[in-house]
Amino acid sequence: MSLTKTSAFPGTASDKWLTQAPDENDQAAIIAFPYAGGGPSVFHGWDKSLQPYRLRLCPVSLPGKEKRRAEKLPDDIHELAQSIAASVLAHIHKPYVMLGLCYGAGLAYLTAQLTTAAGRPPVGIIVAGGRAPHTPPPVPVSGMTDDDFISTLHRLGFISDIVLSNRELLDLYLPMLKSDFIMDEKFILPYPKCKFLFPISVCYGEKDAITPEHDILEWSIYTSNLFMAQKFKEDQLFFAKEYDRFIEYIVEKSLSLVENPNFIE
């Protein structure tokens, strides 16, 4: 796939992969990658919290989920990254930050590799609860029956009692969730030889039952620039349970990256 620039679409119109793009009044974009099983609705309401700071939230829309539910669920995270990178290069003409929630951090990383190679890197990456790409997947699911998979995720707090008790909702959600977990299981990269020249910030929940703290802090080896880490009090869903504090963190880091770009030559 050719990663070249094309004309920007006007204002905040959307395309297949990005549900929004910044307009002339925005100072930066936040390309937001959802957690496993999630889609753009994961970020519902976030734009209202970010817009006062002229930060445009641009959620990534993936095949097989929400408005793209009729499409086939993906099985190759690298192909996803190529498509998203092409969309970013075509439609994002402001400084941008990449934000990855849990599983979404790996997809954000691969996308940033491609946009960087094309000469349009982000000003930084913010990882929320995601493991570094060379560390092992926290929940190997290959060979699990659906019942075992559901039981495991419920035990880890990834599936709520409400979802568990609603079979119709569970049947809808399960294929999307399992598809992402299988892609994540296959996604293990070698120890990085090349590092990004922009900062990486990570944040995570102190009570995270899925991803070990050590595997999150290993993101430090992916940048030759600043590395920052922030611990929150809650579990792997700290960004929802500590929403106000998390949004403050995102705003602070994003504005710092945009207003004081600190690329190492």
C-alpha atoms as a PDB file:
ATOM      1  CA  MET A   1       0.000   0.000   0.000  1.00  0.00           C
ATOM      2  CA  SER A   2       1.357   3.395  -0.963  1.00  0.00           C
ATOM      3  CA  LEU A   3       1.585   5.771   1.982  1.00  0.00           C
ATOM      4  CA  THR A   4       1.295   9.116   0.245  1.00  0.00           C
ATOM      5  CA  LYS A   5      -0.514  12.332   1.026  1.00  0.00           C
ATOM      6  CA  THR A   6      -3.780  13.198  -0.679  1.00  0.00           C
ATOM      7  CA  SER A   7      -6.045  16.198  -0.260  1.00  0.00           C
ATOM      8  CA  ALA A   8      -7.571  16.644   3.182  1.00  0.00           C
ATOM      9  CA  PHE A   9     -11.290  16.306   3.494  1.00  0.00           C
ATOM     10  CA  PRO A  10     -12.985  19.472   4.730  1.00  0.00           C
ATOM     11  CA  GLY A  11     -13.539  20.278   8.362  1.00  0.00           C
ATOM     12  CA  THR A  12     -14.329  17.272  10.488  1.00  0.00           C
ATOM     13  CA  ALA A  13     -15.696  14.970   7.789  1.00  0.00           C
ATOM     14  CA  SER A  14     -14.893  11.311   8.267  1.00  0.00           C
ATOM     15  CA  ASP A  15     -13.510   8.480   6.201  1.00  0.00           C
ATOM     16  CA  LYS A  16     -13.546   4.709   6.543  1.00  0.00           C
ATOM     17  CA  TRP A  17     -10.758   4.513   9.133  1.00  0.00           C
ATOM     18  CA  LEU A  18     -10.907   7.818  11.018  1.00  0.00           C
ATOM     19  CA  THR A  19     -14.257   9.070  12.251  1.00  0.00           C
ATOM     20  CA  GLN A  20     -13.080  12.686  12.461  1.00  0.00           C
ATOM     21  CA  ALA A  21     -10.272  14.955  11.313  1.00  0.00           C
ATOM     22  CA  PRO A  22      -9.163  18.323  12.737  1.00  0.00           C
ATOM     23  CA  ASP A  23     -10.424  21.553  11.218  1.00  0.00           C
ATOM     24  CA  GLU A  24      -8.669  24.904  10.943  1.00  0.00           C
ATOM     25  CA  ASN A  25      -9.560  25.845  14.540  1.00  0.00           C
ATOM     26  CA  ASP A  26      -7.929  22.784  16.075  1.00  0.00           C
ATOM     27  CA  GLN A  27      -4.299  22.896  17.097  1.00  0.00           C
ATOM     28  CA  ALA A  28      -3.774  19.136  17.104  1.00  0.00           C
ATOM     29  CA  ALA A  29      -5.365  15.740  16.592  1.00  0.00           C
ATOM     30  CA  ILE A  30      -5.421  12.753  18.923  1.00  0.00           C
ATOM     31  CA  ILE A  31      -5.584   9.529  16.916  1.00  0.00           C
ATOM     32  CA  ALA A  32      -7.341   7.190  19.361  1.00  0.00           C
ATOM     33  CA  PHE A  33      -7.072   3.385  19.134  1.00  0.00           C
ATOM     34  CA  PRO A  34      -9.678   1.435  21.168  1.00  0.00           C
ATOM     35  CA  TYR A  35      -9.072  -1.523  23.450  1.00  0.00           C
ATOM     36  CA  ALA A  36      -9.815  -5.116  22.369  1.00  0.00           C
ATOM     37  CA  GLY A  37     -13.384  -5.558  21.199  1.00  0.00           C
ATOM     38  CA  GLY A  38     -13.994  -1.813  21.159  1.00  0.00           C
ATOM     39  CA  GLY A  39     -14.833   0.731  18.494  1.00  0.00           C
ATOM     40  CA  PRO A  40     -15.227   4.508  18.265  1.00  0.00           C
ATOM     41  CA  SER A  41     -18.020   4.473  20.876  1.00  0.00           C
ATOM     42  CA  VAL A  42     -15.365   3.662  23.494  1.00  0.00           C
ATOM     43  CA  PHE A  43     -14.447   7.338  23.245  1.00  0.00           C
ATOM     44  CA  HIS A  44     -17.999   8.694  23.468  1.00  0.00           C
ATOM     45  CA  GLY A  45     -18.017  12.085  25.170  1.00  0.00           C
ATOM     46  CA  TRP A  46     -14.258  12.502  25.161  1.00  0.00           C
ATOM     47  CA  ASP A  47     -14.373  15.127  22.420  1.00  0.00           C
ATOM     48  CA  LYS A  48     -16.383  17.443  24.670  1.00  0.00           C
ATOM     49  CA  SER A  49     -13.618  17.225  27.269  1.00  0.00           C
ATOM     50  CA  LEU A  50     -10.836  17.803  24.732  1.00  0.00           C
ATOM     51  CA  GLN A  51     -12.311  20.450  22.432  1.00  0.00           C
ATOM     52  CA  PRO A  52     -11.907  23.368  24.906  1.00  0.00           C
ATOM     53  CA  TYR A  53      -8.168  22.800  24.465  1.00  0.00           C
ATOM     54  CA  ARG A  54      -8.530  22.696  20.663  1.00  0.00           C
ATOM     55  CA  LEU A  55      -7.604  19.030  20.626  1.00  0.00           C
ATOM     56  CA  ARG A  56      -9.585  17.050  18.053  1.00  0.00           C
ATOM     57  CA  LEU A  57     -10.299  13.456  19.022  1.00  0.00           C
ATOM     58  CA  CYS A  58     -10.046  11.191  15.963  1.00  0.00           C
ATOM     59  CA  PRO A  59     -11.152   7.655  16.919  1.00  0.00           C
ATOM     60  CA  VAL A  60     -10.022   4.799  14.709  1.00  0.00           C
ATOM     61  CA  SER A  61     -12.833   2.737  13.177  1.00  0.00           C
ATOM     62  CA  LEU A  62     -12.021  -0.928  12.537  1.00  0.00           C
ATOM     63  CA  PRO A  63     -13.699  -3.559  10.321  1.00  0.00           C
ATOM     64  CA  GLY A  64     -16.353  -5.736  11.906  1.00  0.00           C
ATOM     65  CA  LYS A  65     -17.292  -3.251  14.616  1.00  0.00           C
ATOM     66  CA  GLU A  66     -20.069  -0.700  15.063  1.00  0.00           C
ATOM     67  CA  LYS A  67     -20.721   1.145  11.774  1.00  0.00           C
ATOM     68  CA  ARG A  68     -18.396  -1.294   9.985  1.00  0.00           C
ATOM     69  CA  ARG A  69     -20.012  -4.345  11.546  1.00  0.00           C
ATOM     70  CA  ALA A  70     -20.993  -5.807   8.155  1.00  0.00           C
ATOM     71  CA  GLU A  71     -17.327  -6.104   7.194  1.00  0.00           C
ATOM     72  CA  LYS A  72     -15.183  -9.136   7.924  1.00  0.00           C
ATOM     73  CA  LEU A  73     -13.294  -9.084  11.213  1.00  0.00           C
ATOM     74  CA  PRO A  74      -9.557  -8.601  10.587  1.00  0.00           C
ATOM     75  CA  ASP A  75      -6.879 -11.183  11.273  1.00  0.00           C
ATOM     76  CA  ASP A  76      -3.702  -9.237  10.451  1.00  0.00           C
ATOM     77  CA  ILE A  77      -2.703  -6.321  12.674  1.00  0.00           C
ATOM     78  CA  HIS A  78      -0.002  -5.229  10.214  1.00  0.00           C
ATOM     79  CA  GLU A  79      -2.534  -4.809   7.395  1.00  0.00           C
ATOM     80  CA  LEU A  80      -4.732  -2.766   9.730  1.00  0.00           C
ATOM     81  CA  ALA A  81      -1.804  -0.482  10.530  1.00  0.00           C
ATOM     82  CA  GLN A  82      -1.107   0.078   6.828  1.00  0.00           C
ATOM     83  CA  SER A  83      -4.683   1.174   6.178  1.00  0.00           C
ATOM     84  CA  ILE A  84      -4.808   3.450   9.219  1.00  0.00           C
ATOM     85  CA  ALA A  85      -1.437   5.003   8.386  1.00  0.00           C
ATOM     86  CA  ALA A  86      -2.607   5.778   4.856  1.00  0.00           C
ATOM     87  CA  SER A  87      -5.691   7.481   6.284  1.00  0.00           C
ATOM     88  CA  VAL A  88      -3.635   9.515   8.761  1.00  0.00           C
ATOM     89  CA  LEU A  89      -1.282  10.686   6.012  1.00  0.00           C
ATOM     90  CA  ALA A  90      -4.191  11.586   3.764  1.00  0.00           C
ATOM     91  CA  HIS A  91      -6.389  13.405   6.245  1.00  0.00           C
ATOM     92  CA  ILE A  92      -4.442  14.630   9.271  1.00  0.00           C
ATOM     93  CA  HIS A  93      -2.682  17.887   8.486  1.00  0.00           C
ATOM     94  CA  LYS A  94      -2.131  19.090  12.018  1.00  0.00           C
ATOM     95  CA  PRO A  95       0.366  17.870  14.616  1.00  0.00           C
ATOM     96  CA  TYR A  96      -0.986  14.640  16.041  1.00  0.00           C
ATOM     97  CA  VAL A  97      -0.595  12.390  19.057  1.00  0.00           C
ATOM     98  CA  MET A  98      -1.309   8.669  18.970  1.00  0.00           C
ATOM     99  CA  LEU A  99      -3.239   7.271  21.931  1.00  0.00           C
ATOM    100  CA  GLY A 100      -3.593   3.512  22.359  1.00  0.00           C
ATOM    101  CA  LEU A 101      -5.828   1.880  24.950  1.00  0.00           C
ATOM    102  CA  CYS A 102      -4.543  -1.569  26.015  1.00  0.00           C
ATOM    103  CA  TYR A 103      -4.545  -3.721  22.838  1.00  0.00           C
ATOM    104  CA  GLY A 104      -4.787  -0.511  20.811  1.00  0.00           C
ATOM    105  CA  ALA A 105      -1.267   0.475  21.877  1.00  0.00           C
ATOM    106  CA  GLY A 106       0.298  -2.155  19.617  1.00  0.00           C
ATOM    107  CA  LEU A 107      -1.737  -0.967  16.646  1.00  0.00           C
ATOM    108  CA  ALA A 108      -0.790   2.637  17.432  1.00  0.00           C
ATOM    109  CA  TYR A 109       2.884   1.624  17.506  1.00  0.00           C
ATOM    110  CA  LEU A 110       2.753  -0.085  14.104  1.00  0.00           C
ATOM    111  CA  THR A 111       0.875   2.856  12.601  1.00  0.00           C
ATOM    112  CA  ALA A 112       3.425   5.304  14.015  1.00  0.00           C
ATOM    113  CA  GLN A 113       6.238   3.261  12.460  1.00  0.00           C
ATOM    114  CA  LEU A 114       4.622   3.661   9.042  1.00  0.00           C
ATOM    115  CA  THR A 115       3.793   7.365   9.289  1.00  0.00           C
ATOM    116  CA  THR A 116       7.294   8.025  10.625  1.00  0.00           C
ATOM    117  CA  ALA A 117       8.837   6.149   7.687  1.00  0.00           C
ATOM    118  CA  ALA A 118       6.698   8.310   5.382  1.00  0.00           C
ATOM    119  CA  GLY A 119       8.104  11.489   6.953  1.00  0.00           C
ATOM    120  CA  ARG A 120       5.020  12.419   9.009  1.00  0.00           C
ATOM    121  CA  PRO A 121       5.644  11.124  12.540  1.00  0.00           C
ATOM    122  CA  PRO A 122       3.383  11.866  15.495  1.00  0.00           C
ATOM    123  CA  VAL A 123       4.665  14.319  18.074  1.00  0.00           C
ATOM    124  CA  GLY A 124       4.367  11.517  20.604  1.00  0.00           C
ATOM    125  CA  ILE A 125       2.636   8.310  21.642  1.00  0.00           C
ATOM    126  CA  ILE A 126       0.518   7.882  24.765  1.00  0.00           C
ATOM    127  CA  VAL A 127       0.026   4.283  25.890  1.00  0.00           C
ATOM    128  CA  ALA A 128      -2.806   3.495  28.302  1.00  0.00           C
ATOM    129  CA  GLY A 129      -2.336   0.053  29.814  1.00  0.00           C
ATOM    130  CA  GLY A 130      -0.787  -1.640  26.778  1.00  0.00           C
ATOM    131  CA  ARG A 131       2.190  -3.987  26.811  1.00  0.00           C
ATOM    132  CA  ALA A 132       5.382  -3.193  24.913  1.00  0.00           C
ATOM    133  CA  PRO A 133       5.504  -4.995  21.539  1.00  0.00           C
ATOM    134  CA  HIS A 134       8.357  -7.374  22.434  1.00  0.00           C
ATOM    135  CA  THR A 135       6.696  -8.640  25.632  1.00  0.00           C
ATOM    136  CA  PRO A 136       4.425 -11.712  25.684  1.00  0.00           C
ATOM    137  CA  PRO A 137       0.651 -11.389  25.290  1.00  0.00           C
ATOM    138  CA  PRO A 138      -0.988 -11.444  28.726  1.00  0.00           C
ATOM    139  CA  VAL A 139      -3.925 -13.659  27.735  1.00  0.00           C
ATOM    140  CA  PRO A 140      -3.060 -16.405  25.194  1.00  0.00           C
ATOM    141  CA  VAL A 141      -6.391 -17.550  23.777  1.00  0.00           C
ATOM    142  CA  SER A 142      -5.453 -19.988  21.015  1.00  0.00           C
ATOM    143  CA  GLY A 143      -7.122 -23.316  21.683  1.00  0.00           C
ATOM    144  CA  MET A 144      -9.578 -21.909  24.210  1.00  0.00           C
ATOM    145  CA  THR A 145     -13.229 -22.764  23.817  1.00  0.00           C
ATOM    146  CA  ASP A 146     -15.612 -19.814  23.821  1.00  0.00           C
ATOM    147  CA  ASP A 147     -16.730 -20.746  27.328  1.00  0.00           C
ATOM    148  CA  ASP A 148     -13.132 -20.841  28.597  1.00  0.00           C
ATOM    149  CA  PHE A 149     -12.413 -17.524  26.905  1.00  0.00           C
ATOM    150  CA  ILE A 150     -15.477 -15.902  28.463  1.00  0.00           C
ATOM    151  CA  SER A 151     -14.684 -17.335  31.885  1.00  0.00           C
ATOM    152  CA  THR A 152     -11.077 -16.110  31.722  1.00  0.00           C
ATOM    153  CA  LEU A 153     -11.994 -12.571  30.722  1.00  0.00           C
ATOM    154  CA  HIS A 154     -14.766 -12.402  33.312  1.00  0.00           C
ATOM    155  CA  ARG A 155     -12.334 -13.506  36.018  1.00  0.00           C
ATOM    156  CA  LEU A 156      -9.889 -10.810  34.926  1.00  0.00           C
ATOM    157  CA  GLY A 157     -12.592  -8.138  34.979  1.00  0.00           C
ATOM    158  CA  PHE A 158     -12.668  -7.591  31.235  1.00  0.00           C
ATOM    159  CA  ILE A 159     -16.267  -8.795  30.869  1.00  0.00           C
ATOM    160  CA  SER A 160     -18.770  -7.346  33.319  1.00  0.00           C
ATOM    161  CA  ASP A 161     -21.541  -9.258  35.095  1.00  0.00           C
ATOM    162  CA  ILE A 162     -24.068  -7.308  33.015  1.00  0.00           C
ATOM    163  CA  VAL A 163     -22.563  -8.492  29.730  1.00  0.00           C
ATOM    164  CA  LEU A 164     -22.146 -12.030  31.083  1.00  0.00           C
ATOM    165  CA  SER A 165     -25.839 -12.256  31.984  1.00  0.00           C
ATOM    166  CA  ASN A 166     -27.008 -11.010  28.573  1.00  0.00           C
ATOM    167  CA  ARG A 167     -26.465 -13.846  26.083  1.00  0.00           C
ATOM    168  CA  GLU A 168     -27.547 -11.780  23.088  1.00  0.00           C
ATOM    169  CA  LEU A 169     -25.063  -9.042  23.946  1.00  0.00           C
ATOM    170  CA  LEU A 170     -22.356 -11.594  24.695  1.00  0.00           C
ATOM    171  CA  ASP A 171     -22.866 -13.353  21.348  1.00  0.00           C
ATOM    172  CA  LEU A 172     -22.560  -9.988  19.597  1.00  0.00           C
ATOM    173  CA  TYR A 173     -19.450  -8.925  21.492  1.00  0.00           C
ATOM    174  CA  LEU A 174     -17.558 -12.232  21.675  1.00  0.00           C
ATOM    175  CA  PRO A 175     -16.357 -12.551  18.033  1.00  0.00           C
ATOM    176  CA  MET A 176     -14.985  -8.991  18.049  1.00  0.00           C
ATOM    177  CA  LEU A 177     -13.241  -9.533  21.351  1.00  0.00           C
ATOM    178  CA  LYS A 178     -11.742 -12.878  20.394  1.00  0.00           C
ATOM    179  CA  SER A 179     -10.538 -11.561  17.027  1.00  0.00           C
ATOM    180  CA  ASP A 180      -8.576  -8.800  18.740  1.00  0.00           C
ATOM    181  CA  PHE A 181      -7.129 -11.090  21.400  1.00  0.00           C
ATOM    182  CA  ILE A 182      -5.957 -13.569  18.744  1.00  0.00           C
ATOM    183  CA  MET A 183      -4.280 -10.766  16.767  1.00  0.00           C
ATOM    184  CA  ASP A 184      -2.658  -9.541  19.966  1.00  0.00           C
ATOM    185  CA  GLU A 185      -1.412 -13.050  20.723  1.00  0.00           C
ATOM    186  CA  LYS A 186       0.311 -13.173  17.321  1.00  0.00           C
ATOM    187  CA  PHE A 187       1.779  -9.691  17.785  1.00  0.00           C
ATOM    188  CA  ILE A 188       5.217 -10.130  19.329  1.00  0.00           C
ATOM    189  CA  LEU A 189       8.087  -8.169  17.795  1.00  0.00           C
ATOM    190  CA  PRO A 190      11.836  -8.586  18.268  1.00  0.00           C
ATOM    191  CA  TYR A 191      13.653  -6.354  20.723  1.00  0.00           C
ATOM    192  CA  PRO A 192      13.681  -2.956  18.963  1.00  0.00           C
ATOM    193  CA  LYS A 193      16.839  -1.986  17.075  1.00  0.00           C
ATOM    194  CA  CYS A 194      15.576   1.454  16.059  1.00  0.00           C
ATOM    195  CA  LYS A 195      13.959   3.901  18.451  1.00  0.00           C
ATOM    196  CA  PHE A 196      11.481   6.687  17.884  1.00  0.00           C
ATOM    197  CA  LEU A 197      12.827  10.240  18.084  1.00  0.00           C
ATOM    198  CA  PHE A 198       9.692  11.543  19.814  1.00  0.00           C
ATOM    199  CA  PRO A 199       8.557  11.034  23.445  1.00  0.00           C
ATOM    200  CA  ILE A 200       6.486   8.138  24.721  1.00  0.00           C
ATOM    201  CA  SER A 201       4.191   8.429  27.744  1.00  0.00           C
ATOM    202  CA  VAL A 202       2.621   5.437  29.454  1.00  0.00           C
ATOM    203  CA  CYS A 203      -0.107   5.277  32.067  1.00  0.00           C
ATOM    204  CA  TYR A 204      -1.583   2.226  33.721  1.00  0.00           C
ATOM    205  CA  GLY A 205      -3.745   0.993  36.560  1.00  0.00           C
ATOM    206  CA  GLU A 206      -2.146  -0.122  39.801  1.00  0.00           C
ATOM    207  CA  LYS A 207      -4.695  -2.961  40.075  1.00  0.00           C
ATOM    208  CA  ASP A 208      -4.399  -4.114  36.455  1.00  0.00           C
ATOM    209  CA  ALA A 209      -5.046  -7.871  36.492  1.00  0.00           C
ATOM    210  CA  ILE A 210      -4.183  -8.414  32.829  1.00  0.00           C
ATOM    211  CA  THR A 211      -0.947  -6.651  31.859  1.00  0.00           C
ATOM    212  CA  PRO A 212       2.061  -6.716  34.225  1.00  0.00           C
ATOM    213  CA  GLU A 213       3.516  -3.335  35.174  1.00  0.00           C
ATOM    214  CA  HIS A 214       6.954  -4.427  33.945  1.00  0.00           C
ATOM    215  CA  ASP A 215       5.629  -5.149  30.442  1.00  0.00           C
ATOM    216  CA  ILE A 216       4.077  -1.682  30.249  1.00  0.00           C
ATOM    217  CA  LEU A 217       7.210   0.093  31.469  1.00  0.00           C
ATOM    218  CA  GLU A 218       9.232  -1.728  28.785  1.00  0.00           C
ATOM    219  CA  TRP A 219       7.967   0.955  26.377  1.00  0.00           C
ATOM    220  CA  SER A 220      10.923   2.984  27.643  1.00  0.00           C
ATOM    221  CA  ILE A 221      13.240   1.197  25.210  1.00  0.00           C
ATOM    222  CA  TYR A 222      11.206   2.337  22.186  1.00  0.00           C
ATOM    223  CA  THR A 223      12.281   5.976  22.317  1.00  0.00           C
ATOM    224  CA  SER A 224      15.575   7.813  22.387  1.00  0.00           C
ATOM    225  CA  ASN A 225      13.645  10.827  23.654  1.00  0.00           C
ATOM    226  CA  LEU A 226      11.699  11.394  26.867  1.00  0.00           C
ATOM    227  CA  PHE A 227       9.882   8.495  28.513  1.00  0.00           C
ATOM    228  CA  MET A 228       7.215   9.278  31.102  1.00  0.00           C
ATOM    229  CA  ALA A 229       5.116   6.938  33.246  1.00  0.00           C
ATOM    230  CA  GLN A 230       2.052   7.600  35.397  1.00  0.00           C
ATOM    231  CA  LYS A 231       0.328   5.101  37.677  1.00  0.00           C
ATOM    232  CA  PHE A 232      -3.417   5.342  38.374  1.00  0.00           C
ATOM    233  CA  LYS A 233      -5.232   3.774  41.322  1.00  0.00           C
ATOM    234  CA  GLU A 234      -7.732   1.575  39.471  1.00  0.00           C
ATOM    235  CA  ASP A 235      -7.481  -1.586  37.318  1.00  0.00           C
ATOM    236  CA  GLN A 236      -7.032  -2.009  33.547  1.00  0.00           C
ATOM    237  CA  LEU A 237     -10.113   0.157  32.968  1.00  0.00           C
ATOM    238  CA  PHE A 238      -8.648   3.078  34.900  1.00  0.00           C
ATOM    239  CA  PHE A 239      -9.259   5.413  31.951  1.00  0.00           C
ATOM    240  CA  ALA A 240     -13.015   4.926  32.480  1.00  0.00           C
ATOM    241  CA  LYS A 241     -13.066   4.623  36.267  1.00  0.00           C
ATOM    242  CA  GLU A 242     -10.775   7.639  36.757  1.00  0.00           C
ATOM    243  CA  TYR A 243     -12.042   9.496  33.715  1.00  0.00           C
ATOM    244  CA  ASP A 244     -11.537  13.080  34.902  1.00  0.00           C
ATOM    245  CA  ARG A 245      -7.988  12.481  36.062  1.00  0.00           C
ATOM    246  CA  PHE A 246      -7.183  10.520  32.913  1.00  0.00           C
ATOM    247  CA  ILE A 247      -8.488  13.281  30.628  1.00  0.00           C
ATOM    248  CA  GLU A 248      -6.404  15.815  32.558  1.00  0.00           C
ATOM    249  CA  TYR A 249      -3.389  13.597  31.938  1.00  0.00           C
ATOM    250  CA  ILE A 250      -4.140  13.309  28.201  1.00  0.00           C
ATOM    251  CA  VAL A 251      -4.624  17.064  27.861  1.00  0.00           C
ATOM    252  CA  GLU A 252      -1.442  17.848  29.781  1.00  0.00           C
ATOM    253  CA  LYS A 253       0.702  15.424  27.782  1.00  0.00           C
ATOM    254  CA  SER A 254      -0.827  16.306  24.419  1.00  0.00           C
ATOM    255  CA  LEU A 255      -0.446  20.063  24.865  1.00  0.00           C
ATOM    256  CA  SER A 256       3.117  19.606  26.072  1.00  0.00           C
ATOM    257  CA  LEU A 257       3.982  17.515  23.018  1.00  0.00           C
ATOM    258  CA  VAL A 258       2.303  19.905  20.590  1.00  0.00           C
ATOM    259  CA  GLU A 259       3.559  23.170  22.085  1.00  0.00           C
ATOM    260  CA  ASN A 260       7.082  21.950  22.777  1.00  0.00           C
ATOM    261  CA  PRO A 261       8.012  19.420  20.098  1.00  0.00           C
ATOM    262  CA  ASN A 262      11.197  17.791  21.228  1.00  0.00           C
ATOM    263  CA  PHE A 263      12.504  15.621  18.422  1.00  0.00           C
ATOM    264  CA  ILE A 264      16.050  14.379  18.777  1.00  0.00           C
ATOM    265  CA  GLU A 265      17.993  14.787  15.557  1.00  0.00           C
END
